[in-house]
Amino acid sequence: MKSPEKTTAEGKGGRSPKNRTITLTEEERAALTPCLATVHEPIGVGQILDRVIQQDLFEALPHLPSGFVDLLIADPPYNLAKSFNGRTFRQQAPEAYAEWLESWLLPLRRLLKPDASIYLCGDWLTSASIFPVLARHFIVRNRITWEREKGRGALGNWKNCSEDIWFATVGKEYRFDANAVKLKRRVVAPYRVSGEPKGWAEEGGGGFRLTGASNLWSDITVPFWSMPENTDHPTQKPEKLVAKLVLASSRPGDVVFDPFLGSGTTVAVCKKLGRRFVGVEIDREYGLLALKRLAMAGNDSAIQGYSGGVFWERNTLSQQRAQNSSGHLEQF
């Protein structure tokens, strides 16, 4: 999955001792390489479930089975000049980029169930091409905008610190579980009745309340060097972000498909949340990172910023730990 530029922490002769970035040893590369899949002929669902396919999407697509995907999460290269481990995506005219989007999105429709949902990521410029393509073939439901708290400043323009996720469905019937993606926020102006909290709860030395999911997200942290999910992928999406999409639009056991897997955020989140998955990634190194993250997810199902069945706003780690130690969650 892709997102904005990330920071790293480098010490003398290499990384800082506190750097938690996931990397691969030569021994891990050798051990994991046989676990990568490729498809060169029509294949059944059972042969690709919970697999990482390391292959060009356009080569793999014709051989994948029809009607097996409940949720599509697609984070293609944005319409920018960008290098991914030496493989460069070149910026195009908006019309050409829209044609490229359609060249893989339309064939992907065959893989989707009639009640499947789609999330397609982009930035402000790419979104202009995404909407008309999505609208031609699916029902566009919404556009999520999430705040990206990092990024370079700009002297001749406004600083770019947000990205979009377009939400669409194949048909009129689809799954959306708003209760699964509530956000836990601090109470700024606590209201009481007869001295008791009204619509919020006191816990961990502060007041908090659950708020409904909206299409404006300000609680996302881009992975960086001290986070255990971080990789060297230049535009990695946060696990918390993908978890919101997975929980809102799929059930346990549903199949999630990611055609631009990157370093494996989608499959790692799916394993942590009990979903089946198929990911396609053209780059071998990123595919191997995805496999390593899957192995790590089998030992640790934690998702930073998601605890006790709710998502927390940024900078509330102490309250999350307090709630985890108490073993319960106030419902309000």
Protein backbone atom coordinates (compact mmCIF):
# COMPACT_ATOMS: atom_id res chain seq x y z
CA MET A 1 0.00 0.00 0.00
CA LYS A 2 1.23 3.47 -0.82
CA SER A 3 1.25 6.78 0.96
CA PRO A 4 3.46 9.83 1.38
CA GLU A 5 7.19 10.18 2.00
CA LYS A 6 8.36 8.81 5.32
CA THR A 7 11.22 9.65 7.65
CA THR A 8 13.99 7.29 8.72
CA ALA A 9 16.42 7.26 11.62
CA GLU A 10 19.98 6.45 10.65
CA GLY A 11 22.90 6.16 13.00
CA LYS A 12 26.61 5.89 12.26
CA GLY A 13 27.18 2.90 10.01
CA GLY A 14 23.49 2.24 9.55
CA ARG A 15 20.17 2.42 11.38
CA SER A 16 19.64 3.70 14.88
CA PRO A 17 19.39 0.94 17.54
CA LYS A 18 15.81 2.14 18.18
CA ASN A 19 14.85 1.86 14.52
CA ARG A 20 12.10 -0.78 14.21
CA THR A 21 11.82 -0.80 10.41
CA ILE A 22 11.08 -4.27 9.04
CA THR A 23 13.91 -5.50 6.80
CA LEU A 24 14.94 -8.78 5.19
CA THR A 25 18.07 -10.84 5.69
CA GLU A 26 19.45 -12.97 2.88
CA GLU A 27 18.38 -16.06 4.81
CA GLU A 28 14.82 -14.75 5.02
CA ARG A 29 14.78 -13.95 1.31
CA ALA A 30 15.87 -17.50 0.51
CA ALA A 31 13.31 -19.04 2.87
CA LEU A 32 10.38 -16.85 1.79
CA THR A 33 10.90 -16.78 -1.99
CA PRO A 34 9.32 -20.25 -2.57
CA CYS A 35 6.19 -18.97 -0.77
CA LEU A 36 5.51 -16.32 -3.43
CA ALA A 37 2.91 -17.41 -5.96
CA THR A 38 2.53 -16.80 -9.70
CA VAL A 39 -0.41 -17.70 -11.95
CA HIS A 40 -0.05 -18.63 -15.62
CA GLU A 41 -3.28 -20.54 -16.21
CA PRO A 42 -6.83 -20.46 -14.83
CA ILE A 43 -6.73 -21.18 -11.12
CA GLY A 44 -9.26 -21.97 -8.40
CA VAL A 45 -10.01 -19.79 -5.40
CA GLY A 46 -8.62 -22.32 -2.97
CA GLN A 47 -5.24 -22.22 -4.67
CA ILE A 48 -4.74 -18.48 -4.15
CA LEU A 49 -6.49 -17.68 -0.85
CA ASP A 50 -4.15 -16.16 1.72
CA ARG A 51 -1.36 -15.94 -0.85
CA VAL A 52 0.89 -13.19 -2.14
CA ILE A 53 1.16 -13.29 -5.94
CA GLN A 54 4.42 -11.74 -7.12
CA GLN A 55 3.62 -10.86 -10.70
CA ASP A 56 2.56 -8.07 -13.02
CA LEU A 57 -1.16 -7.49 -12.38
CA PHE A 58 -1.94 -7.52 -16.10
CA GLU A 59 -0.34 -10.96 -16.45
CA ALA A 60 -2.16 -12.42 -13.45
CA LEU A 61 -5.64 -10.93 -13.98
CA PRO A 62 -6.88 -13.15 -16.85
CA HIS A 63 -6.20 -16.30 -14.81
CA LEU A 64 -7.86 -15.30 -11.54
CA PRO A 65 -11.30 -16.79 -10.73
CA SER A 66 -14.51 -14.84 -11.10
CA GLY A 67 -16.78 -13.61 -8.31
CA PHE A 68 -14.66 -14.40 -5.25
CA VAL A 69 -13.84 -10.93 -3.86
CA ASP A 70 -15.93 -9.29 -1.12
CA LEU A 71 -13.76 -6.19 -0.75
CA LEU A 72 -11.30 -4.56 -3.14
CA ILE A 73 -8.68 -2.21 -1.70
CA ALA A 74 -6.61 -0.64 -4.47
CA ASP A 75 -3.73 1.76 -3.89
CA PRO A 76 -2.18 2.20 -7.35
CA PRO A 77 0.71 4.53 -8.13
CA TYR A 78 -0.58 8.09 -8.07
CA ASN A 79 -0.18 10.22 -11.18
CA LEU A 80 3.29 11.33 -10.09
CA ALA A 81 6.84 10.53 -11.17
CA LYS A 82 7.85 8.05 -8.47
CA SER A 83 10.38 5.25 -8.09
CA PHE A 84 9.47 2.05 -6.27
CA ASN A 85 12.61 0.02 -5.62
CA GLY A 86 14.01 1.12 -8.98
CA ARG A 87 10.75 0.65 -10.92
CA THR A 88 9.58 4.11 -11.99
CA PHE A 89 6.01 5.24 -12.57
CA ARG A 90 5.94 8.26 -14.86
CA GLN A 91 3.46 11.11 -14.63
CA GLN A 92 0.92 11.24 -17.46
CA ALA A 93 -1.69 13.63 -18.76
CA PRO A 94 -4.89 13.23 -16.68
CA GLU A 95 -6.71 11.61 -19.62
CA ALA A 96 -3.93 9.04 -20.09
CA TYR A 97 -3.86 8.27 -16.38
CA ALA A 98 -7.63 7.74 -16.41
CA GLU A 99 -7.22 5.29 -19.31
CA TRP A 100 -4.56 3.43 -17.31
CA LEU A 101 -6.88 3.21 -14.30
CA GLU A 102 -9.65 1.81 -16.44
CA SER A 103 -7.29 -0.70 -18.09
CA TRP A 104 -7.03 -2.71 -14.87
CA LEU A 105 -10.13 -1.62 -12.93
CA LEU A 106 -12.62 -2.77 -15.56
CA PRO A 107 -11.12 -6.30 -15.89
CA LEU A 108 -11.06 -6.50 -12.08
CA ARG A 109 -14.84 -6.16 -11.96
CA ARG A 110 -15.13 -9.81 -13.00
CA LEU A 111 -13.50 -10.84 -9.73
CA LEU A 112 -16.00 -8.99 -7.53
CA LYS A 113 -19.14 -10.38 -5.94
CA PRO A 114 -22.42 -8.53 -6.68
CA ASP A 115 -22.39 -6.99 -3.17
CA ALA A 116 -18.67 -6.18 -3.11
CA SER A 117 -17.24 -2.82 -2.03
CA ILE A 118 -14.30 -0.93 -3.52
CA TYR A 119 -11.84 1.51 -1.99
CA LEU A 120 -9.52 3.31 -4.41
CA CYS A 121 -6.77 5.58 -3.11
CA GLY A 122 -5.40 8.77 -4.64
CA ASP A 123 -4.15 12.28 -3.98
CA TRP A 124 -5.87 15.56 -4.86
CA LEU A 125 -4.71 15.51 -8.50
CA THR A 126 -5.27 11.81 -9.09
CA SER A 127 -8.80 12.07 -7.68
CA ALA A 128 -9.85 14.11 -10.70
CA SER A 129 -9.17 11.03 -12.83
CA ILE A 130 -10.48 8.45 -10.37
CA PHE A 131 -14.04 9.73 -10.00
CA PRO A 132 -15.18 9.56 -13.66
CA VAL A 133 -13.65 6.09 -14.09
CA LEU A 134 -15.30 4.75 -10.95
CA ALA A 135 -18.62 6.38 -11.80
CA ARG A 136 -18.73 4.71 -15.23
CA HIS A 137 -18.55 1.20 -13.83
CA PHE A 138 -19.64 1.30 -10.16
CA ILE A 139 -21.82 3.24 -7.73
CA VAL A 140 -19.70 5.93 -6.07
CA ARG A 141 -20.74 6.25 -2.43
CA ASN A 142 -18.31 8.71 -0.87
CA ARG A 143 -14.83 10.20 -0.80
CA ILE A 144 -12.80 9.89 2.38
CA THR A 145 -10.13 12.54 2.97
CA TRP A 146 -7.46 11.70 5.52
CA GLU A 147 -4.95 14.05 7.04
CA ARG A 148 -1.33 13.23 6.34
CA GLU A 149 0.58 14.90 9.15
CA LYS A 150 3.93 14.73 7.34
CA GLY A 151 5.13 16.21 4.09
CA ARG A 152 7.35 18.89 2.68
CA GLY A 153 6.47 22.54 3.06
CA ALA A 154 5.79 24.67 0.00
CA LEU A 155 6.72 28.28 -0.68
CA GLY A 156 4.65 28.83 -3.81
CA ASN A 157 1.59 26.73 -2.93
CA TRP A 158 -0.38 25.30 -0.04
CA LYS A 159 1.34 22.39 1.69
CA ASN A 160 -0.12 19.09 0.51
CA CYS A 161 -1.11 17.19 3.67
CA SER A 162 -4.13 15.09 2.73
CA GLU A 163 -5.07 12.15 0.53
CA ASP A 164 -8.32 10.64 -0.69
CA ILE A 165 -9.93 7.21 -0.63
CA TRP A 166 -12.90 6.77 -2.95
CA PHE A 167 -15.64 4.42 -1.75
CA ALA A 168 -17.79 2.63 -4.34
CA THR A 169 -19.90 -0.51 -4.61
CA VAL A 170 -20.73 -2.97 -7.37
CA GLY A 171 -24.47 -2.75 -6.72
CA LYS A 172 -27.15 -1.40 -4.42
CA GLU A 173 -26.63 -4.13 -1.82
CA TYR A 174 -23.41 -3.87 0.17
CA ARG A 175 -22.04 -4.16 3.69
CA PHE A 176 -21.19 -1.18 5.86
CA ASP A 177 -20.73 -1.57 9.62
CA ALA A 178 -20.56 1.92 11.13
CA ASN A 179 -20.35 0.53 14.67
CA ALA A 180 -17.10 -1.27 13.86
CA VAL A 181 -15.26 1.92 13.00
CA LYS A 182 -16.19 4.37 15.73
CA LEU A 183 -13.52 6.80 16.89
CA LYS A 184 -12.75 7.43 20.55
CA ARG A 185 -12.14 11.14 21.15
CA ARG A 186 -11.28 13.30 24.12
CA VAL A 187 -14.16 15.37 25.42
CA VAL A 188 -13.28 19.04 25.02
CA ALA A 189 -16.42 20.49 26.64
CA PRO A 190 -17.77 17.81 29.00
CA TYR A 191 -21.50 18.04 29.68
CA ARG A 192 -22.96 16.67 32.92
CA VAL A 193 -26.44 16.02 34.25
CA SER A 194 -26.76 15.96 38.06
CA GLY A 195 -22.98 15.77 38.20
CA GLU A 196 -22.76 12.67 35.98
CA PRO A 197 -21.18 12.56 32.48
CA LYS A 198 -23.74 12.86 29.68
CA GLY A 199 -22.75 11.06 26.47
CA TRP A 200 -19.15 10.42 27.54
CA ALA A 201 -17.16 8.52 30.17
CA GLU A 202 -14.33 9.28 32.56
CA GLU A 203 -11.40 6.92 32.25
CA GLY A 204 -7.63 7.02 32.36
CA GLY A 205 -7.57 10.49 33.87
CA GLY A 206 -9.65 12.06 31.11
CA GLY A 207 -13.02 12.19 29.44
CA PHE A 208 -13.73 10.28 26.21
CA ARG A 209 -16.67 9.59 23.96
CA LEU A 210 -17.31 7.42 20.92
CA THR A 211 -18.10 9.28 17.70
CA GLY A 212 -19.53 7.93 14.48
CA ALA A 213 -17.35 7.30 11.46
CA SER A 214 -17.08 10.24 9.07
CA ASN A 215 -15.38 10.83 5.72
CA LEU A 216 -12.79 13.16 7.29
CA TRP A 217 -10.00 11.34 9.15
CA SER A 218 -7.58 13.26 11.36
CA ASP A 219 -6.40 10.33 13.48
CA ILE A 220 -4.00 8.63 11.04
CA THR A 221 -0.23 8.44 11.57
CA VAL A 222 1.99 7.67 8.58
CA PRO A 223 4.42 4.83 9.51
CA PHE A 224 7.87 6.00 10.52
CA TRP A 225 11.11 4.45 11.77
CA SER A 226 10.08 3.78 15.40
CA MET A 227 6.79 2.04 14.52
CA PRO A 228 6.85 -1.78 14.35
CA GLU A 229 4.85 -1.83 11.10
CA ASN A 230 7.29 0.43 9.23
CA THR A 231 9.12 -0.76 6.10
CA ASP A 232 11.38 0.93 3.56
CA HIS A 233 8.54 1.15 1.04
CA PRO A 234 8.46 4.87 0.17
CA THR A 235 4.69 5.31 0.30
CA GLN A 236 3.41 2.73 2.79
CA LYS A 237 -0.17 3.04 4.06
CA PRO A 238 -0.79 2.76 7.83
CA GLU A 239 -2.33 -0.42 9.21
CA LYS A 240 -4.86 1.68 11.12
CA LEU A 241 -6.15 3.21 7.89
CA VAL A 242 -6.59 -0.15 6.17
CA ALA A 243 -8.18 -1.63 9.30
CA LYS A 244 -10.97 0.94 9.07
CA LEU A 245 -11.76 -0.11 5.50
CA VAL A 246 -11.63 -3.81 6.32
CA LEU A 247 -13.83 -3.56 9.42
CA ALA A 248 -16.40 -1.28 7.80
CA SER A 249 -16.86 -3.26 4.60
CA SER A 250 -16.20 -6.94 5.29
CA ARG A 251 -17.13 -9.73 7.68
CA PRO A 252 -14.76 -12.21 9.33
CA GLY A 253 -13.85 -14.79 6.71
CA ASP A 254 -14.60 -12.50 3.75
CA VAL A 255 -12.05 -12.22 0.95
CA VAL A 256 -10.13 -8.98 0.51
CA PHE A 257 -8.18 -8.39 -2.72
CA ASP A 258 -5.32 -5.90 -3.12
CA PRO A 259 -3.94 -5.60 -6.67
CA PHE A 260 -1.09 -3.22 -5.71
CA LEU A 261 0.04 -4.81 -2.48
CA GLY A 262 3.30 -2.95 -1.90
CA SER A 263 4.95 -4.11 1.33
CA GLY A 264 1.85 -5.95 2.52
CA THR A 265 -0.20 -3.68 4.75
CA THR A 266 -3.53 -5.04 3.49
CA VAL A 267 -2.68 -8.72 3.94
CA ALA A 268 -1.11 -8.13 7.37
CA VAL A 269 -4.25 -6.30 8.54
CA CYS A 270 -6.50 -8.99 7.11
CA LYS A 271 -4.63 -11.70 9.00
CA LYS A 272 -4.89 -9.70 12.22
CA LEU A 273 -8.62 -9.14 11.74
CA GLY A 274 -9.62 -12.63 10.58
CA ARG A 275 -10.21 -11.97 6.89
CA ARG A 276 -9.06 -14.06 3.92
CA PHE A 277 -6.96 -12.25 1.35
CA VAL A 278 -5.17 -12.28 -2.00
CA GLY A 279 -2.50 -9.73 -2.85
CA VAL A 280 -0.68 -9.03 -6.10
CA GLU A 281 2.66 -7.21 -6.10
CA ILE A 282 5.01 -6.82 -9.05
CA ASP A 283 8.18 -6.24 -7.01
CA ARG A 284 9.86 -9.29 -5.47
CA GLU A 285 11.41 -7.46 -2.50
CA TYR A 286 8.09 -5.91 -1.49
CA GLY A 287 6.36 -9.27 -1.92
CA LEU A 288 8.87 -10.85 0.45
CA LEU A 289 8.32 -8.05 2.97
CA ALA A 290 4.59 -8.80 2.77
CA LEU A 291 5.27 -12.45 3.60
CA LYS A 292 7.44 -11.48 6.56
CA ARG A 293 4.73 -9.15 7.84
CA LEU A 294 2.20 -11.99 7.55
CA ALA A 295 4.43 -14.18 9.71
CA MET A 296 4.76 -11.35 12.23
CA ALA A 297 0.98 -10.81 12.24
CA GLY A 298 0.53 -14.44 13.22
CA ASN A 299 2.44 -13.72 16.43
CA ASP A 300 1.12 -10.22 17.16
CA SER A 301 -2.34 -9.05 16.13
CA ALA A 302 -2.00 -5.51 17.52
CA ILE A 303 -2.84 -2.57 15.27
CA GLN A 304 -1.49 0.76 16.47
CA GLY A 305 -4.37 3.14 17.20
CA TYR A 306 -7.00 0.36 17.37
CA SER A 307 -7.69 -1.08 20.80
CA GLY A 308 -10.66 -2.40 22.72
CA GLY A 309 -12.77 -2.61 19.56
CA VAL A 310 -12.50 1.11 18.77
CA PHE A 311 -10.16 3.47 16.95
CA TRP A 312 -8.45 6.14 19.04
CA GLU A 313 -7.44 9.63 18.04
CA ARG A 314 -3.72 10.40 17.94
CA ASN A 315 -1.68 10.89 21.11
CA THR A 316 -3.90 8.76 23.36
CA LEU A 317 -1.51 5.85 23.86
CA SER A 318 -1.51 6.12 27.66
CA GLN A 319 -5.32 5.90 27.74
CA GLN A 320 -5.26 2.90 25.40
CA ARG A 321 -2.82 1.13 27.70
CA ALA A 322 -4.95 1.95 30.74
CA GLN A 323 -8.01 0.50 29.03
CA ASN A 324 -6.14 -2.64 27.97
CA SER A 325 -4.93 -3.21 31.52
CA SER A 326 -8.46 -2.87 32.88
CA GLY A 327 -9.71 -5.41 30.36
CA HIS A 328 -12.98 -3.64 29.56
CA LEU A 329 -14.42 -0.87 27.46
CA GLU A 330 -17.11 1.54 28.55
CA GLN A 331 -19.89 1.70 25.96
CA PHE A 332 -21.38 5.17 25.58
